[in-house]
Amino acid sequence: MSEKSQCPLCERANLCAFETGKSIEDCWCHYAHFPKKLPERPDACLCADCVARLAKAERLALKLTE
């Protein structure tokens, strides 16, 4: 697996359709809800699970401080 096809956080496949030559509209991330702040690791796309975990952590933190 190439580095571009691995999530830099968990090192599992990030399933990026764009990296495999498909349209960005075919990628899971086109329809995903991202947290406002992402890790500064521009070397590869995150996987859907890591994006979901980061978004959930952000939502929980916001609810605790309101």
N, C-alpha and C. Protein backbone atom coordinates (compact mmCIF):
# COMPACT_ATOMS: atom_id res chain seq x y z
N MET A 1 0.85 -1.17 0.00
CA MET A 1 0.00 0.00 0.00
C MET A 1 0.90 1.24 0.00
N SER A 2 0.62 2.19 -0.87
CA SER A 2 1.44 3.40 -0.92
C SER A 2 1.08 4.33 0.23
N GLU A 3 1.98 5.25 0.55
CA GLU A 3 1.74 6.19 1.64
C GLU A 3 0.52 7.06 1.38
N LYS A 4 0.26 7.41 0.13
CA LYS A 4 -0.90 8.24 -0.22
C LYS A 4 -2.22 7.51 -0.02
N SER A 5 -2.18 6.18 0.00
CA SER A 5 -3.41 5.42 0.19
C SER A 5 -3.61 4.99 1.64
N GLN A 6 -2.73 5.44 2.53
CA GLN A 6 -2.82 5.11 3.95
C GLN A 6 -3.21 6.34 4.76
N CYS A 7 -4.09 6.15 5.71
CA CYS A 7 -4.45 7.21 6.63
C CYS A 7 -3.23 7.50 7.51
N PRO A 8 -2.82 8.76 7.62
CA PRO A 8 -1.64 9.07 8.42
C PRO A 8 -1.85 8.90 9.93
N LEU A 9 -3.10 8.76 10.36
CA LEU A 9 -3.36 8.58 11.79
C LEU A 9 -3.39 7.13 12.21
N CYS A 10 -4.13 6.30 11.49
CA CYS A 10 -4.27 4.89 11.89
C CYS A 10 -3.52 3.92 10.97
N GLU A 11 -3.04 4.42 9.86
CA GLU A 11 -2.26 3.66 8.88
C GLU A 11 -3.07 2.58 8.15
N ARG A 12 -4.40 2.68 8.21
CA ARG A 12 -5.24 1.79 7.42
C ARG A 12 -5.53 2.45 6.08
N ALA A 13 -6.11 1.72 5.17
CA ALA A 13 -6.45 2.27 3.85
C ALA A 13 -7.42 3.43 4.01
N ASN A 14 -7.13 4.55 3.32
CA ASN A 14 -8.02 5.70 3.43
C ASN A 14 -9.13 5.68 2.38
N LEU A 15 -9.06 4.76 1.45
CA LEU A 15 -10.09 4.57 0.42
C LEU A 15 -10.38 5.84 -0.37
N CYS A 16 -9.34 6.58 -0.68
CA CYS A 16 -9.46 7.81 -1.44
C CYS A 16 -9.68 7.50 -2.92
N ALA A 17 -10.86 7.82 -3.43
CA ALA A 17 -11.17 7.57 -4.84
C ALA A 17 -10.32 8.46 -5.75
N PHE A 18 -10.07 9.68 -5.32
CA PHE A 18 -9.31 10.63 -6.12
C PHE A 18 -7.89 10.12 -6.38
N GLU A 19 -7.29 9.50 -5.38
CA GLU A 19 -5.93 8.96 -5.52
C GLU A 19 -5.88 7.78 -6.49
N THR A 20 -7.00 7.14 -6.72
CA THR A 20 -7.02 6.02 -7.66
C THR A 20 -7.48 6.44 -9.05
N GLY A 21 -7.56 7.76 -9.27
CA GLY A 21 -7.90 8.27 -10.59
C GLY A 21 -9.37 8.52 -10.83
N LYS A 22 -10.19 8.32 -9.82
CA LYS A 22 -11.62 8.57 -9.97
C LYS A 22 -11.94 10.03 -9.66
N SER A 23 -13.14 10.42 -9.92
CA SER A 23 -13.60 11.78 -9.65
C SER A 23 -13.73 12.00 -8.14
N ILE A 24 -13.55 13.23 -7.71
CA ILE A 24 -13.71 13.55 -6.29
C ILE A 24 -15.15 13.27 -5.84
N GLU A 25 -16.11 13.35 -6.75
CA GLU A 25 -17.50 13.06 -6.41
C GLU A 25 -17.70 11.57 -6.07
N ASP A 26 -16.76 10.72 -6.48
CA ASP A 26 -16.84 9.29 -6.16
C ASP A 26 -16.21 8.95 -4.81
N CYS A 27 -15.59 9.92 -4.18
CA CYS A 27 -14.88 9.66 -2.92
C CYS A 27 -15.82 9.83 -1.73
N TRP A 28 -15.60 9.04 -0.71
CA TRP A 28 -16.41 9.11 0.51
C TRP A 28 -16.34 10.50 1.14
N CYS A 29 -15.19 11.17 0.99
CA CYS A 29 -15.00 12.46 1.67
C CYS A 29 -15.86 13.58 1.08
N HIS A 30 -16.30 13.39 -0.15
CA HIS A 30 -17.12 14.42 -0.79
C HIS A 30 -18.43 14.63 -0.04
N TYR A 31 -18.89 13.61 0.67
CA TYR A 31 -20.17 13.67 1.38
C TYR A 31 -20.00 13.63 2.90
N ALA A 32 -18.77 13.64 3.37
CA ALA A 32 -18.50 13.51 4.81
C ALA A 32 -18.61 14.85 5.52
N HIS A 33 -18.85 14.78 6.82
CA HIS A 33 -18.85 15.97 7.68
C HIS A 33 -17.51 15.98 8.41
N PHE A 34 -16.73 17.01 8.16
CA PHE A 34 -15.40 17.11 8.74
C PHE A 34 -15.40 18.02 9.96
N PRO A 35 -14.52 17.73 10.93
CA PRO A 35 -14.37 18.65 12.05
C PRO A 35 -13.73 19.94 11.56
N LYS A 36 -13.89 21.00 12.32
CA LYS A 36 -13.32 22.30 11.94
C LYS A 36 -11.79 22.26 11.91
N LYS A 37 -11.22 21.50 12.83
CA LYS A 37 -9.76 21.43 12.91
C LYS A 37 -9.30 20.01 12.63
N LEU A 38 -8.40 19.89 11.67
CA LEU A 38 -7.83 18.59 11.32
C LEU A 38 -6.34 18.58 11.66
N PRO A 39 -5.78 17.40 11.90
CA PRO A 39 -4.34 17.32 12.15
C PRO A 39 -3.56 17.89 10.96
N GLU A 40 -2.48 18.54 11.25
CA GLU A 40 -1.65 19.13 10.19
C GLU A 40 -0.70 18.08 9.63
N ARG A 41 -1.25 17.19 8.82
CA ARG A 41 -0.47 16.12 8.19
C ARG A 41 -0.92 16.01 6.75
N PRO A 42 -0.48 16.92 5.90
CA PRO A 42 -0.99 16.95 4.52
C PRO A 42 -0.42 15.88 3.60
N ASP A 43 0.29 14.90 4.14
CA ASP A 43 0.94 13.90 3.30
C ASP A 43 -0.03 12.88 2.71
N ALA A 44 -1.23 12.73 3.28
CA ALA A 44 -2.22 11.78 2.77
C ALA A 44 -3.59 12.09 3.35
N CYS A 45 -4.61 11.55 2.73
CA CYS A 45 -5.98 11.71 3.22
C CYS A 45 -6.21 10.87 4.47
N LEU A 46 -7.07 11.36 5.33
CA LEU A 46 -7.49 10.57 6.47
C LEU A 46 -8.53 9.55 6.02
N CYS A 47 -8.73 8.52 6.80
CA CYS A 47 -9.78 7.54 6.48
C CYS A 47 -11.10 8.02 7.09
N ALA A 48 -12.19 7.45 6.64
CA ALA A 48 -13.52 7.84 7.11
C ALA A 48 -13.68 7.63 8.61
N ASP A 49 -13.12 6.54 9.14
CA ASP A 49 -13.24 6.28 10.58
C ASP A 49 -12.54 7.34 11.41
N CYS A 50 -11.34 7.74 11.01
CA CYS A 50 -10.61 8.77 11.76
C CYS A 50 -11.32 10.11 11.67
N VAL A 51 -11.83 10.45 10.49
CA VAL A 51 -12.58 11.71 10.34
C VAL A 51 -13.81 11.68 11.25
N ALA A 52 -14.52 10.57 11.29
CA ALA A 52 -15.70 10.45 12.14
C ALA A 52 -15.34 10.57 13.62
N ARG A 53 -14.24 9.94 14.03
CA ARG A 53 -13.81 10.03 15.43
C ARG A 53 -13.44 11.48 15.80
N LEU A 54 -12.71 12.16 14.92
CA LEU A 54 -12.33 13.55 15.18
C LEU A 54 -13.56 14.46 15.24
N ALA A 55 -14.50 14.24 14.34
CA ALA A 55 -15.72 15.05 14.33
C ALA A 55 -16.54 14.81 15.61
N LYS A 56 -16.62 13.56 16.04
CA LYS A 56 -17.37 13.24 17.26
C LYS A 56 -16.70 13.86 18.48
N ALA A 57 -15.39 13.77 18.56
CA ALA A 57 -14.66 14.36 19.68
C ALA A 57 -14.88 15.87 19.71
N GLU A 58 -14.88 16.50 18.55
CA GLU A 58 -15.11 17.94 18.49
C GLU A 58 -16.53 18.29 18.95
N ARG A 59 -17.52 17.52 18.50
CA ARG A 59 -18.92 17.77 18.91
C ARG A 59 -19.08 17.62 20.42
N LEU A 60 -18.48 16.58 20.99
CA LEU A 60 -18.61 16.35 22.43
C LEU A 60 -17.94 17.46 23.22
N ALA A 61 -16.82 17.93 22.78
CA ALA A 61 -16.12 19.01 23.46
C ALA A 61 -16.95 20.29 23.40
N LEU A 62 -17.57 20.56 22.27
CA LEU A 62 -18.40 21.76 22.14
C LEU A 62 -19.62 21.68 23.06
N LYS A 63 -20.22 20.52 23.17
CA LYS A 63 -21.41 20.37 24.02
C LYS A 63 -21.04 20.52 25.50
N LEU A 64 -19.85 20.10 25.89
CA LEU A 64 -19.44 20.18 27.28
C LEU A 64 -19.16 21.62 27.70
N THR A 65 -18.78 22.47 26.77
CA THR A 65 -18.41 23.85 27.13
C THR A 65 -19.56 24.83 26.96
N GLU A 66 -20.67 24.41 26.42
CA GLU A 66 -21.81 25.33 26.20
C GLU A 66 -22.59 25.56 27.45
